[in-house]
Amino acid sequence: MSEEKVIHEFAKSAGQKVVCQFREYKRNKLIDLRVFYDAGDGDWRPTPRGISLRRELIPELKEAVDAAVREWEKELPGSPREDVE
């Protein structure tokens, strides 16, 4: 039996969105982050652009996103930079 559960989604651009969902493929439980496009008929369709990981890797994915956020915050105006003395 196939399982799909949308966890979160956000607009990427006009006519595109990123969808984070739990799904199952060949009895493997996955977390899937994928770009969807507006098909123009009220339906959103997935593109090949995305990534699927075993759910056990969610902590590693979170660690990677947290590290990316820390690096991004260093680049924000007014943020103290670690490489400046």
C-alpha atoms as a PDB file:
ATOM      1  CA  MET A   1       0.000   0.000   0.000  1.00  0.00           C
ATOM      2  CA  SER A   2       1.338   3.418  -0.960  1.00  0.00           C
ATOM      3  CA  GLU A   3       1.455   6.110   1.700  1.00  0.00           C
ATOM      4  CA  GLU A   4       1.728   9.852   0.996  1.00  0.00           C
ATOM      5  CA  LYS A   5       1.498  12.603   3.564  1.00  0.00           C
ATOM      6  CA  VAL A   6       2.389  16.224   2.785  1.00  0.00           C
ATOM      7  CA  ILE A   7       4.370  17.701   5.680  1.00  0.00           C
ATOM      8  CA  HIS A   8       5.097  21.192   4.332  1.00  0.00           C
ATOM      9  CA  GLU A   9       5.109  23.118   1.080  1.00  0.00           C
ATOM     10  CA  PHE A  10       6.215  26.563  -0.037  1.00  0.00           C
ATOM     11  CA  ALA A  11       6.308  28.611  -3.233  1.00  0.00           C
ATOM     12  CA  LYS A  12       9.542  28.400  -5.197  1.00  0.00           C
ATOM     13  CA  SER A  13       8.413  30.776  -7.940  1.00  0.00           C
ATOM     14  CA  ALA A  14       5.261  31.629  -9.846  1.00  0.00           C
ATOM     15  CA  GLY A  15       3.935  28.286 -10.993  1.00  0.00           C
ATOM     16  CA  GLN A  16       6.315  26.159  -8.908  1.00  0.00           C
ATOM     17  CA  LYS A  17       6.359  24.948  -5.324  1.00  0.00           C
ATOM     18  CA  VAL A  18       8.525  22.719  -3.159  1.00  0.00           C
ATOM     19  CA  VAL A  19       6.698  19.909  -1.390  1.00  0.00           C
ATOM     20  CA  CYS A  20       8.074  17.988   1.572  1.00  0.00           C
ATOM     21  CA  GLN A  21       6.210  14.749   2.061  1.00  0.00           C
ATOM     22  CA  PHE A  22       6.411  11.295   3.550  1.00  0.00           C
ATOM     23  CA  ARG A  23       5.870   8.593   0.993  1.00  0.00           C
ATOM     24  CA  GLU A  24       6.469   4.939   0.458  1.00  0.00           C
ATOM     25  CA  TYR A  25       8.211   3.364  -2.527  1.00  0.00           C
ATOM     26  CA  LYS A  26       8.799  -0.373  -2.861  1.00  0.00           C
ATOM     27  CA  ARG A  27       8.079  -0.793   0.863  1.00  0.00           C
ATOM     28  CA  ASN A  28      10.706   1.838   1.751  1.00  0.00           C
ATOM     29  CA  LYS A  29       9.476   4.705   3.920  1.00  0.00           C
ATOM     30  CA  LEU A  30      10.921   7.939   2.545  1.00  0.00           C
ATOM     31  CA  ILE A  31      11.021  11.669   3.062  1.00  0.00           C
ATOM     32  CA  ASP A  32      10.700  13.350  -0.321  1.00  0.00           C
ATOM     33  CA  LEU A  33      11.512  16.991  -1.161  1.00  0.00           C
ATOM     34  CA  ARG A  34      10.394  17.710  -4.698  1.00  0.00           C
ATOM     35  CA  VAL A  35       9.613  20.619  -7.010  1.00  0.00           C
ATOM     36  CA  PHE A  36       6.057  20.572  -8.363  1.00  0.00           C
ATOM     37  CA  TYR A  37       4.719  22.676 -11.225  1.00  0.00           C
ATOM     38  CA  ASP A  38       1.267  24.101 -11.896  1.00  0.00           C
ATOM     39  CA  ALA A  39      -0.112  22.068 -14.773  1.00  0.00           C
ATOM     40  CA  GLY A  40      -2.643  24.798 -15.524  1.00  0.00           C
ATOM     41  CA  ASP A  41      -5.660  22.598 -14.919  1.00  0.00           C
ATOM     42  CA  GLY A  42      -5.748  23.097 -11.153  1.00  0.00           C
ATOM     43  CA  ASP A  43      -3.400  20.159 -10.675  1.00  0.00           C
ATOM     44  CA  TRP A  44       0.170  20.232  -9.385  1.00  0.00           C
ATOM     45  CA  ARG A  45       2.539  17.693 -10.910  1.00  0.00           C
ATOM     46  CA  PRO A  46       5.945  16.553  -9.643  1.00  0.00           C
ATOM     47  CA  THR A  47       9.131  17.201 -11.571  1.00  0.00           C
ATOM     48  CA  PRO A  48      12.232  14.989 -11.530  1.00  0.00           C
ATOM     49  CA  ARG A  49      13.966  17.719  -9.501  1.00  0.00           C
ATOM     50  CA  GLY A  50      14.049  16.573  -5.917  1.00  0.00           C
ATOM     51  CA  ILE A  51      15.475  14.154  -3.441  1.00  0.00           C
ATOM     52  CA  SER A  52      14.128  11.105  -1.609  1.00  0.00           C
ATOM     53  CA  LEU A  53      15.828   9.761   1.493  1.00  0.00           C
ATOM     54  CA  ARG A  54      15.083   6.983   3.935  1.00  0.00           C
ATOM     55  CA  ARG A  55      13.312   8.494   6.928  1.00  0.00           C
ATOM     56  CA  GLU A  56      16.107   7.318   9.221  1.00  0.00           C
ATOM     57  CA  LEU A  57      18.249  10.028   7.583  1.00  0.00           C
ATOM     58  CA  ILE A  58      15.965  12.884   8.704  1.00  0.00           C
ATOM     59  CA  PRO A  59      18.332  13.840  11.584  1.00  0.00           C
ATOM     60  CA  GLU A  60      21.226  14.102   9.095  1.00  0.00           C
ATOM     61  CA  LEU A  61      19.069  16.185   6.739  1.00  0.00           C
ATOM     62  CA  LYS A  62      18.130  18.485   9.630  1.00  0.00           C
ATOM     63  CA  GLU A  63      21.806  18.854  10.571  1.00  0.00           C
ATOM     64  CA  ALA A  64      22.636  19.841   6.971  1.00  0.00           C
ATOM     65  CA  VAL A  65      19.807  22.397   6.824  1.00  0.00           C
ATOM     66  CA  ASP A  66      20.751  23.821  10.236  1.00  0.00           C
ATOM     67  CA  ALA A  67      24.369  24.218   9.055  1.00  0.00           C
ATOM     68  CA  ALA A  68      23.177  25.952   5.875  1.00  0.00           C
ATOM     69  CA  VAL A  69      21.042  28.346   7.952  1.00  0.00           C
ATOM     70  CA  ARG A  70      24.024  29.202  10.179  1.00  0.00           C
ATOM     71  CA  GLU A  71      26.188  29.956   7.132  1.00  0.00           C
ATOM     72  CA  TRP A  72      23.411  32.001   5.497  1.00  0.00           C
ATOM     73  CA  GLU A  73      22.901  34.038   8.678  1.00  0.00           C
ATOM     74  CA  LYS A  74      26.601  35.012   8.594  1.00  0.00           C
ATOM     75  CA  GLU A  75      25.983  36.648   5.217  1.00  0.00           C
ATOM     76  CA  LEU A  76      23.041  38.777   6.373  1.00  0.00           C
ATOM     77  CA  PRO A  77      23.660  42.525   6.681  1.00  0.00           C
ATOM     78  CA  GLY A  78      24.562  43.497  10.221  1.00  0.00           C
ATOM     79  CA  SER A  79      25.546  39.970  11.242  1.00  0.00           C
ATOM     80  CA  PRO A  80      28.898  39.553  12.959  1.00  0.00           C
ATOM     81  CA  ARG A  81      31.233  37.550  10.745  1.00  0.00           C
ATOM     82  CA  GLU A  82      33.380  34.864  12.320  1.00  0.00           C
ATOM     83  CA  ASP A  83      36.245  35.425   9.867  1.00  0.00           C
ATOM     84  CA  VAL A  84      36.681  39.104  10.842  1.00  0.00           C
ATOM     85  CA  GLU A  85      38.889  39.927  13.830  1.00  0.00           C
END
